Protein backbone atom coordinates (compact mmCIF):
# COMPACT_ATOMS: atom_id res chain seq x y z
CA MET A 1 72.70 -38.04 -128.58
CA THR A 2 71.82 -34.86 -126.84
CA THR A 3 73.53 -33.19 -123.75
CA LEU A 4 71.23 -33.16 -120.69
CA THR A 5 70.89 -30.49 -118.25
CA THR A 6 69.64 -31.89 -115.00
CA ASP A 7 70.40 -31.75 -111.47
CA THR A 8 74.19 -31.43 -110.78
CA LEU A 9 76.03 -34.45 -109.68
CA THR A 10 77.01 -34.57 -106.27
CA ALA A 11 79.46 -36.38 -104.08
CA VAL A 12 76.74 -39.01 -103.33
CA ASP A 13 76.50 -39.91 -107.14
CA ARG A 14 79.17 -42.62 -107.58
CA CYS A 15 80.76 -44.31 -110.47
CA ASP A 16 79.00 -47.61 -111.52
CA ARG A 17 82.50 -49.06 -112.57
CA CYS A 18 84.91 -47.94 -109.47
CA GLY A 19 82.71 -46.15 -107.00
CA ALA A 20 84.63 -42.80 -107.20
CA GLN A 21 82.68 -39.52 -107.66
CA ALA A 22 80.70 -39.61 -110.75
CA TYR A 23 80.92 -36.57 -113.28
CA VAL A 24 79.23 -38.17 -116.12
CA ARG A 25 75.54 -39.32 -116.22
CA VAL A 26 74.67 -41.35 -119.33
CA VAL A 27 70.89 -42.06 -120.04
CA LEU A 28 70.03 -44.96 -121.98
CA PRO A 29 66.80 -46.13 -123.24
CA VAL A 30 66.41 -48.59 -120.24
CA GLY A 31 68.11 -46.76 -117.34
CA GLU A 32 71.14 -44.61 -116.69
CA LEU A 33 74.86 -45.30 -115.87
CA LEU A 34 77.01 -42.94 -113.71
CA PHE A 35 80.72 -42.59 -114.14
CA CYS A 36 83.92 -41.00 -113.18
CA GLY A 37 85.89 -38.78 -115.77
CA HIS A 38 88.07 -41.93 -116.32
CA HIS A 39 85.43 -44.56 -116.81
CA ALA A 40 83.45 -42.25 -118.99
CA ARG A 41 86.22 -41.58 -121.29
CA GLU A 42 87.11 -45.42 -121.42
CA HIS A 43 83.54 -46.44 -122.14
CA ALA A 44 82.43 -43.54 -124.52
CA PRO A 45 82.83 -45.58 -127.62
CA ALA A 46 80.31 -48.37 -126.27
CA TYR A 47 77.72 -45.74 -124.86
CA SER A 48 77.90 -42.79 -127.36
CA SER A 49 76.00 -44.80 -130.19
CA VAL A 50 73.09 -45.93 -127.80
CA ALA A 51 72.80 -43.10 -125.06
CA THR A 52 69.73 -40.95 -125.45
CA SER A 53 71.68 -38.23 -123.46
CA VAL A 54 74.85 -37.48 -121.56
CA GLN A 55 75.36 -35.30 -118.86
CA ASP A 56 79.05 -34.42 -118.61
CA GLU A 57 80.27 -32.37 -115.79
CA THR A 58 83.89 -33.24 -115.98
CA ASP A 59 84.98 -29.70 -116.53
CA ARG A 60 84.27 -29.57 -112.72
CA LEU A 61 87.31 -31.63 -112.04
CA LEU A 62 89.66 -28.92 -113.04
CA ALA A 63 87.79 -26.22 -111.10
CA GLU A 64 87.50 -28.27 -108.11
CA HIS A 65 90.68 -30.41 -107.93
CA GLY A 66 93.14 -29.00 -110.32
CA ALA A 67 92.88 -32.21 -112.46
CA ARG A 68 93.40 -32.53 -116.09
């Protein structure tokens, strides 16, 4: 798995699980998934072995919202 550098995720990009703002893009051989920070952590064991790349922008949460 590699880290993908692509367009920054914006408020328009929504988590496929809950609809919150997405901060993680998981590229799979057959498409992609977008996750909020919470769901990215929750589902990481499932996608980490099959993802072709992961764009993780969760560090922006602290900068933008003071979240941990």
